[in-house]
PDB file of N, CA and C in Angstrom:
ATOM      1  N   MET A   1    -111.682  -5.882 -90.304  1.00  0.00           N
ATOM      2  CA  MET A   1    -111.115  -4.563 -90.402  1.00  0.00           C
ATOM      3  C   MET A   1    -109.607  -4.617 -90.160  1.00  0.00           C
ATOM      4  N   GLY A   2    -109.182  -5.361 -89.153  1.00  0.00           N
ATOM      5  CA  GLY A   2    -107.762  -5.470 -88.853  1.00  0.00           C
ATOM      6  C   GLY A   2    -106.971  -6.047 -90.003  1.00  0.00           C
ATOM      7  N   LEU A   3    -107.575  -7.028 -90.695  1.00  0.00           N
ATOM      8  CA  LEU A   3    -106.893  -7.620 -91.849  1.00  0.00           C
ATOM      9  C   LEU A   3    -106.647  -6.573 -92.924  1.00  0.00           C
ATOM     10  N   GLN A   4    -107.618  -5.732 -93.167  1.00  0.00           N
ATOM     11  CA  GLN A   4    -107.454  -4.693 -94.194  1.00  0.00           C
ATOM     12  C   GLN A   4    -106.376  -3.690 -93.797  1.00  0.00           C
ATOM     13  N   PHE A   5    -106.386  -3.272 -92.544  1.00  0.00           N
ATOM     14  CA  PHE A   5    -105.332  -2.357 -92.085  1.00  0.00           C
ATOM     15  C   PHE A   5    -103.961  -3.001 -92.252  1.00  0.00           C
ATOM     16  N   ALA A   6    -103.846  -4.268 -91.890  1.00  0.00           N
ATOM     17  CA  ALA A   6    -102.566  -4.973 -92.023  1.00  0.00           C
ATOM     18  C   ALA A   6    -102.137  -5.040 -93.486  1.00  0.00           C
ATOM     19  N   ARG A   7    -103.069  -5.282 -94.379  1.00  0.00           N
ATOM     20  CA  ARG A   7    -102.748  -5.332 -95.817  1.00  0.00           C
ATOM     21  C   ARG A   7    -102.223  -3.992 -96.319  1.00  0.00           C
ATOM     22  N   GLU A   8    -102.627  -2.929 -95.656  1.00  0.00           N
ATOM     23  CA  GLU A   8    -102.177  -1.592 -96.049  1.00  0.00           C
ATOM     24  C   GLU A   8    -100.888  -1.192 -95.325  1.00  0.00           C
ATOM     25  N   GLY A   9    -100.307  -2.124 -94.540  1.00  0.00           N
ATOM     26  CA  GLY A   9     -99.027  -1.877 -93.905  1.00  0.00           C
ATOM     27  C   GLY A   9     -99.073  -1.377 -92.479  1.00  0.00           C
ATOM     28  N   THR A  10    -100.251  -1.382 -91.881  1.00  0.00           N
ATOM     29  CA  THR A  10    -100.390  -0.908 -90.511  1.00  0.00           C
ATOM     30  C   THR A  10    -100.156  -2.052 -89.526  1.00  0.00           C
ATOM     31  N   ALA A  11     -99.420  -1.803 -88.473  1.00  0.00           N
ATOM     32  CA  ALA A  11     -99.282  -2.774 -87.392  1.00  0.00           C
ATOM     33  C   ALA A  11    -100.611  -2.837 -86.650  1.00  0.00           C
ATOM     34  N   VAL A  12    -101.074  -4.035 -86.361  1.00  0.00           N
ATOM     35  CA  VAL A  12    -102.407  -4.220 -85.808  1.00  0.00           C
ATOM     36  C   VAL A  12    -102.344  -4.868 -84.423  1.00  0.00           C
ATOM     37  N   ILE A  13    -103.092  -4.313 -83.495  1.00  0.00           N
ATOM     38  CA  ILE A  13    -103.325  -4.949 -82.205  1.00  0.00           C
ATOM     39  C   ILE A  13    -104.698  -5.609 -82.297  1.00  0.00           C
ATOM     40  N   VAL A  14    -104.733  -6.914 -82.111  1.00  0.00           N
ATOM     41  CA  VAL A  14    -105.999  -7.648 -82.106  1.00  0.00           C
ATOM     42  C   VAL A  14    -106.435  -7.754 -80.650  1.00  0.00           C
ATOM     43  N   ASN A  15    -107.482  -7.034 -80.315  1.00  0.00           N
ATOM     44  CA  ASN A  15    -107.998  -7.035 -78.952  1.00  0.00           C
ATOM     45  C   ASN A  15    -109.034  -8.133 -78.810  1.00  0.00           C
ATOM     46  N   TYR A  16    -108.988  -8.830 -77.688  1.00  0.00           N
ATOM     47  CA  TYR A  16    -110.007  -9.829 -77.397  1.00  0.00           C
ATOM     48  C   TYR A  16    -110.360  -9.762 -75.927  1.00  0.00           C
ATOM     49  N   SER A  17    -111.602 -10.127 -75.643  1.00  0.00           N
ATOM     50  CA  SER A  17    -112.047 -10.155 -74.263  1.00  0.00           C
ATOM     51  C   SER A  17    -111.985 -11.577 -73.721  1.00  0.00           C
ATOM     52  N   LYS A  18    -112.480 -12.541 -74.514  1.00  0.00           N
ATOM     53  CA  LYS A  18    -112.557 -13.923 -74.046  1.00  0.00           C
ATOM     54  C   LYS A  18    -111.910 -14.926 -74.990  1.00  0.00           C
ATOM     55  N   SER A  19    -111.964 -14.701 -76.269  1.00  0.00           N
ATOM     56  CA  SER A  19    -111.558 -15.711 -77.243  1.00  0.00           C
ATOM     57  C   SER A  19    -110.108 -15.547 -77.692  1.00  0.00           C
ATOM     58  N   LYS A  20    -109.196 -16.021 -76.855  1.00  0.00           N
ATOM     59  CA  LYS A  20    -107.780 -15.947 -77.195  1.00  0.00           C
ATOM     60  C   LYS A  20    -107.488 -16.740 -78.476  1.00  0.00           C
ATOM     61  N   GLU A  21    -108.150 -17.871 -78.642  1.00  0.00           N
ATOM     62  CA  GLU A  21    -107.924 -18.709 -79.819  1.00  0.00           C
ATOM     63  C   GLU A  21    -108.304 -17.975 -81.100  1.00  0.00           C
ATOM     64  N   ARG A  22    -109.443 -17.303 -81.082  1.00  0.00           N
ATOM     65  CA  ARG A  22    -109.889 -16.560 -82.277  1.00  0.00           C
ATOM     66  C   ARG A  22    -108.929 -15.409 -82.571  1.00  0.00           C
ATOM     67  N   ALA A  23    -108.482 -14.715 -81.536  1.00  0.00           N
ATOM     68  CA  ALA A  23    -107.521 -13.626 -81.728  1.00  0.00           C
ATOM     69  C   ALA A  23    -106.234 -14.156 -82.331  1.00  0.00           C
ATOM     70  N   LYS A  24    -105.775 -15.320 -81.851  1.00  0.00           N
ATOM     71  CA  LYS A  24    -104.555 -15.923 -82.393  1.00  0.00           C
ATOM     72  C   LYS A  24    -104.734 -16.287 -83.859  1.00  0.00           C
ATOM     73  N   GLU A  25    -105.921 -16.764 -84.234  1.00  0.00           N
ATOM     74  CA  GLU A  25    -106.198 -17.083 -85.638  1.00  0.00           C
ATOM     75  C   GLU A  25    -106.040 -15.835 -86.504  1.00  0.00           C
ATOM     76  N   VAL A  26    -106.561 -14.720 -86.024  1.00  0.00           N
ATOM     77  CA  VAL A  26    -106.463 -13.469 -86.782  1.00  0.00           C
ATOM     78  C   VAL A  26    -105.005 -13.024 -86.881  1.00  0.00           C
ATOM     79  N   VAL A  27    -104.280 -13.084 -85.776  1.00  0.00           N
ATOM     80  CA  VAL A  27    -102.858 -12.721 -85.786  1.00  0.00           C
ATOM     81  C   VAL A  27    -102.097 -13.614 -86.747  1.00  0.00           C
ATOM     82  N   ASP A  28    -102.353 -14.915 -86.687  1.00  0.00           N
ATOM     83  CA  ASP A  28    -101.671 -15.853 -87.583  1.00  0.00           C
ATOM     84  C   ASP A  28    -101.983 -15.558 -89.050  1.00  0.00           C
ATOM     85  N   ARG A  29    -103.218 -15.203 -89.329  1.00  0.00           N
ATOM     86  CA  ARG A  29    -103.592 -14.882 -90.719  1.00  0.00           C
ATOM     87  C   ARG A  29    -102.876 -13.618 -91.195  1.00  0.00           C
ATOM     88  N   ILE A  30    -102.822 -12.627 -90.334  1.00  0.00           N
ATOM     89  CA  ILE A  30    -102.121 -11.388 -90.688  1.00  0.00           C
ATOM     90  C   ILE A  30    -100.649 -11.685 -90.931  1.00  0.00           C
ATOM     91  N   ASP A  31    -100.040 -12.480 -90.035  1.00  0.00           N
ATOM     92  CA  ASP A  31     -98.638 -12.867 -90.210  1.00  0.00           C
ATOM     93  C   ASP A  31     -98.436 -13.607 -91.533  1.00  0.00           C
ATOM     94  N   ALA A  32     -99.336 -14.543 -91.838  1.00  0.00           N
ATOM     95  CA  ALA A  32     -99.217 -15.343 -93.063  1.00  0.00           C
ATOM     96  C   ALA A  32     -99.302 -14.474 -94.313  1.00  0.00           C
ATOM     97  N   GLU A  33    -100.017 -13.367 -94.214  1.00  0.00           N
ATOM     98  CA  GLU A  33    -100.161 -12.465 -95.354  1.00  0.00           C
ATOM     99  C   GLU A  33     -99.073 -11.398 -95.379  1.00  0.00           C
ATOM    100  N   GLY A  34     -98.081 -11.530 -94.475  1.00  0.00           N
ATOM    101  CA  GLY A  34     -96.956 -10.605 -94.480  1.00  0.00           C
ATOM    102  C   GLY A  34     -97.135  -9.375 -93.618  1.00  0.00           C
ATOM    103  N   GLY A  35     -98.198  -9.329 -92.829  1.00  0.00           N
ATOM    104  CA  GLY A  35     -98.425  -8.183 -91.965  1.00  0.00           C
ATOM    105  C   GLY A  35     -97.839  -8.407 -90.594  1.00  0.00           C
ATOM    106  N   GLN A  36     -98.147  -7.513 -89.692  1.00  0.00           N
ATOM    107  CA  GLN A  36     -97.677  -7.648 -88.318  1.00  0.00           C
ATOM    108  C   GLN A  36     -98.837  -7.400 -87.375  1.00  0.00           C
ATOM    109  N   ALA A  37     -98.923  -8.254 -86.356  1.00  0.00           N
ATOM    110  CA  ALA A  37    -100.015  -8.146 -85.400  1.00  0.00           C
ATOM    111  C   ALA A  37     -99.611  -8.758 -84.073  1.00  0.00           C
ATOM    112  N   ALA A  38    -100.287  -8.325 -83.043  1.00  0.00           N
ATOM    113  CA  ALA A  38    -100.150  -8.899 -81.711  1.00  0.00           C
ATOM    114  C   ALA A  38    -101.535  -8.922 -81.092  1.00  0.00           C
ATOM    115  N   ALA A  39    -101.824  -9.969 -80.310  1.00  0.00           N
ATOM    116  CA  ALA A  39    -103.113 -10.080 -79.628  1.00  0.00           C
ATOM    117  C   ALA A  39    -102.945  -9.653 -78.173  1.00  0.00           C
ATOM    118  N   ILE A  40    -103.880  -8.841 -77.707  1.00  0.00           N
ATOM    119  CA  ILE A  40    -103.854  -8.365 -76.320  1.00  0.00           C
ATOM    120  C   ILE A  40    -105.263  -8.473 -75.748  1.00  0.00           C
ATOM    121  N   GLN A  41    -105.363  -9.091 -74.574  1.00  0.00           N
ATOM    122  CA  GLN A  41    -106.654  -9.261 -73.922  1.00  0.00           C
ATOM    123  C   GLN A  41    -107.025  -8.021 -73.124  1.00  0.00           C
ATOM    124  N   ALA A  42    -108.269  -7.560 -73.306  1.00  0.00           N
ATOM    125  CA  ALA A  42    -108.808  -6.458 -72.509  1.00  0.00           C
ATOM    126  C   ALA A  42    -110.296  -6.308 -72.796  1.00  0.00           C
ATOM    127  N   ASP A  43    -111.064  -6.030 -71.769  1.00  0.00           N
ATOM    128  CA  ASP A  43    -112.473  -5.690 -71.924  1.00  0.00           C
ATOM    129  C   ASP A  43    -112.526  -4.170 -72.019  1.00  0.00           C
ATOM    130  N   VAL A  44    -112.620  -3.659 -73.234  1.00  0.00           N
ATOM    131  CA  VAL A  44    -112.522  -2.211 -73.432  1.00  0.00           C
ATOM    132  C   VAL A  44    -113.753  -1.454 -72.944  1.00  0.00           C
ATOM    133  N   SER A  45    -114.784  -2.171 -72.482  1.00  0.00           N
ATOM    134  CA  SER A  45    -115.923  -1.483 -71.866  1.00  0.00           C
ATOM    135  C   SER A  45    -115.591  -1.073 -70.426  1.00  0.00           C
ATOM    136  N   ARG A  46    -114.454  -1.560 -69.931  1.00  0.00           N
ATOM    137  CA  ARG A  46    -113.993  -1.214 -68.584  1.00  0.00           C
ATOM    138  C   ARG A  46    -112.812  -0.261 -68.716  1.00  0.00           C
ATOM    139  N   ASP A  47    -112.968   0.902 -68.131  1.00  0.00           N
ATOM    140  CA  ASP A  47    -111.988   1.973 -68.287  1.00  0.00           C
ATOM    141  C   ASP A  47    -110.557   1.526 -67.980  1.00  0.00           C
ATOM    142  N   GLN A  48    -110.360   0.867 -66.851  1.00  0.00           N
ATOM    143  CA  GLN A  48    -109.011   0.464 -66.453  1.00  0.00           C
ATOM    144  C   GLN A  48    -108.403  -0.512 -67.459  1.00  0.00           C
ATOM    145  N   GLN A  49    -109.200  -1.457 -67.943  1.00  0.00           N
ATOM    146  CA  GLN A  49    -108.679  -2.419 -68.910  1.00  0.00           C
ATOM    147  C   GLN A  49    -108.374  -1.749 -70.248  1.00  0.00           C
ATOM    148  N   ALA A  50    -109.185  -0.782 -70.623  1.00  0.00           N
ATOM    149  CA  ALA A  50    -108.907  -0.042 -71.864  1.00  0.00           C
ATOM    150  C   ALA A  50    -107.584   0.710 -71.737  1.00  0.00           C
ATOM    151  N   ARG A  51    -107.354   1.306 -70.580  1.00  0.00           N
ATOM    152  CA  ARG A  51    -106.085   2.010 -70.350  1.00  0.00           C
ATOM    153  C   ARG A  51    -104.902   1.030 -70.381  1.00  0.00           C
ATOM    154  N   GLN A  52    -105.092  -0.139 -69.788  1.00  0.00           N
ATOM    155  CA  GLN A  52    -104.028  -1.142 -69.798  1.00  0.00           C
ATOM    156  C   GLN A  52    -103.737  -1.641 -71.214  1.00  0.00           C
ATOM    157  N   LEU A  53    -104.772  -1.738 -72.030  1.00  0.00           N
ATOM    158  CA  LEU A  53    -104.569  -2.137 -73.423  1.00  0.00           C
ATOM    159  C   LEU A  53    -103.633  -1.157 -74.121  1.00  0.00           C
ATOM    160  N   ILE A  54    -103.864   0.115 -73.898  1.00  0.00           N
ATOM    161  CA  ILE A  54    -103.016   1.138 -74.507  1.00  0.00           C
ATOM    162  C   ILE A  54    -101.582   1.010 -74.004  1.00  0.00           C
ATOM    163  N   GLU A  55    -101.429   0.752 -72.715  1.00  0.00           N
ATOM    164  CA  GLU A  55    -100.085   0.564 -72.158  1.00  0.00           C
ATOM    165  C   GLU A  55     -99.425  -0.691 -72.721  1.00  0.00           C
ATOM    166  N   LYS A  56    -100.195  -1.769 -72.848  1.00  0.00           N
ATOM    167  CA  LYS A  56     -99.646  -3.029 -73.349  1.00  0.00           C
ATOM    168  C   LYS A  56     -99.221  -2.935 -74.805  1.00  0.00           C
ATOM    169  N   LYS A  57     -99.901  -2.111 -75.583  1.00  0.00           N
ATOM    170  CA  LYS A  57     -99.516  -1.999 -76.993  1.00  0.00           C
ATOM    171  C   LYS A  57     -98.113  -1.440 -77.126  1.00  0.00           C
ATOM    172  N   ASN A  58     -97.648  -0.756 -76.097  1.00  0.00           N
ATOM    173  CA  ASN A  58     -96.289  -0.226 -76.079  1.00  0.00           C
ATOM    174  C   ASN A  58     -95.341  -1.105 -75.268  1.00  0.00           C
ATOM    175  N   SER A  59     -95.797  -2.299 -74.924  1.00  0.00           N
ATOM    176  CA  SER A  59     -94.997  -3.195 -74.091  1.00  0.00           C
ATOM    177  C   SER A  59     -93.818  -3.776 -74.874  1.00  0.00           C
ATOM    178  N   PRO A  60     -92.823  -4.248 -74.163  1.00  0.00           N
ATOM    179  CA  PRO A  60     -91.689  -4.891 -74.840  1.00  0.00           C
ATOM    180  C   PRO A  60     -92.127  -6.067 -75.717  1.00  0.00           C
ATOM    181  N   ARG A  61     -93.127  -6.824 -75.272  1.00  0.00           N
ATOM    182  CA  ARG A  61     -93.598  -7.970 -76.061  1.00  0.00           C
ATOM    183  C   ARG A  61     -94.160  -7.520 -77.410  1.00  0.00           C
ATOM    184  N   ALA A  62     -95.025  -6.527 -77.393  1.00  0.00           N
ATOM    185  CA  ALA A  62     -95.592  -6.019 -78.645  1.00  0.00           C
ATOM    186  C   ALA A  62     -94.494  -5.403 -79.504  1.00  0.00           C
ATOM    187  N   ALA A  63     -93.596  -4.672 -78.877  1.00  0.00           N
ATOM    188  CA  ALA A  63     -92.497  -4.048 -79.627  1.00  0.00           C
ATOM    189  C   ALA A  63     -91.633  -5.103 -80.299  1.00  0.00           C
ATOM    190  N   ARG A  64     -91.359  -6.224 -79.600  1.00  0.00           N
ATOM    191  CA  ARG A  64     -90.566  -7.303 -80.210  1.00  0.00           C
ATOM    192  C   ARG A  64     -91.276  -7.859 -81.435  1.00  0.00           C
ATOM    193  N   CYS A  65     -92.580  -8.038 -81.328  1.00  0.00           N
ATOM    194  CA  CYS A  65     -93.354  -8.555 -82.465  1.00  0.00           C
ATOM    195  C   CYS A  65     -93.196  -7.635 -83.658  1.00  0.00           C
ATOM    196  N   PHE A  66     -93.346  -6.341 -83.436  1.00  0.00           N
ATOM    197  CA  PHE A  66     -93.285  -5.402 -84.543  1.00  0.00           C
ATOM    198  C   PHE A  66     -91.873  -5.241 -85.080  1.00  0.00           C
ATOM    199  N   ARG A  67     -90.869  -5.286 -84.208  1.00  0.00           N
ATOM    200  CA  ARG A  67     -89.474  -5.218 -84.685  1.00  0.00           C
ATOM    201  C   ARG A  67     -89.133  -6.428 -85.534  1.00  0.00           C
ATOM    202  N   ARG A  68     -89.621  -7.602 -85.137  1.00  0.00           N
ATOM    203  CA  ARG A  68     -89.377  -8.828 -85.907  1.00  0.00           C
ATOM    204  C   ARG A  68     -89.854  -8.655 -87.340  1.00  0.00           C
ATOM    205  N   HIS A  69     -91.034  -8.079 -87.507  1.00  0.00           N
ATOM    206  CA  HIS A  69     -91.569  -7.882 -88.849  1.00  0.00           C
ATOM    207  C   HIS A  69     -90.781  -6.832 -89.614  1.00  0.00           C
ATOM    208  N   ARG A  70     -90.379  -5.786 -88.929  1.00  0.00           N
ATOM    209  CA  ARG A  70     -89.622  -4.729 -89.596  1.00  0.00           C
ATOM    210  C   ARG A  70     -88.282  -5.280 -90.094  1.00  0.00           C
ATOM    211  N   ARG A  71     -87.607  -6.080 -89.256  1.00  0.00           N
ATOM    212  CA  ARG A  71     -86.308  -6.681 -89.647  1.00  0.00           C
ATOM    213  C   ARG A  71     -86.485  -7.650 -90.808  1.00  0.00           C
ATOM    214  N   SER A  72     -87.623  -8.309 -90.882  1.00  0.00           N
ATOM    215  CA  SER A  72     -87.833  -9.287 -91.945  1.00  0.00           C
ATOM    216  C   SER A  72     -88.071  -8.601 -93.282  1.00  0.00           C
ATOM    217  N   GLY A  73     -88.228  -7.274 -93.250  1.00  0.00           N
ATOM    218  CA  GLY A  73     -88.469  -6.537 -94.484  1.00  0.00           C
ATOM    219  C   GLY A  73     -89.928  -6.472 -94.877  1.00  0.00           C
ATOM    220  N   ARG A  74     -90.800  -7.005 -94.017  1.00  0.00           N
ATOM    221  CA  ARG A  74     -92.223  -6.992 -94.349  1.00  0.00           C
ATOM    222  C   ARG A  74     -92.897  -5.694 -93.950  1.00  0.00           C
ATOM    223  N   LEU A  75     -92.197  -4.861 -93.208  1.00  0.00           N
ATOM    224  CA  LEU A  75     -92.786  -3.592 -92.773  1.00  0.00           C
ATOM    225  C   LEU A  75     -91.766  -2.503 -92.926  1.00  0.00           C
ATOM    226  N   PRO A  76     -92.118  -1.437 -93.605  1.00  0.00           N
ATOM    227  CA  PRO A  76     -91.160  -0.329 -93.704  1.00  0.00           C
ATOM    228  C   PRO A  76     -90.968   0.321 -92.344  1.00  0.00           C
ATOM    229  N   GLY A  77     -89.795   0.841 -92.079  1.00  0.00           N
ATOM    230  CA  GLY A  77     -89.567   1.556 -90.823  1.00  0.00           C
ATOM    231  C   GLY A  77     -90.446   2.774 -90.753  1.00  0.00           C
ATOM    232  N   ARG A  78     -90.944   3.041 -89.576  1.00  0.00           N
ATOM    233  CA  ARG A  78     -91.832   4.212 -89.402  1.00  0.00           C
ATOM    234  C   ARG A  78     -91.325   5.059 -88.294  1.00  0.00           C
TER     235      ARG A  78
END
């Protein structure tokens, strides 16, 4: 699903609970196809971690990832 959203120009957060390697594979694939993505760990079945995921998506690290793609011309400014 994330790959399709990325193909349509949406910035994607790849959430993972345990498999950082698999999340990185998805992020790398999205990047290779010209999209933008960042991986963030959180167990969304736990309220506090779900809230932290939302906070992290607005983190400087995620913002840098998305700005990098926007500057490269792969993402229109939004």
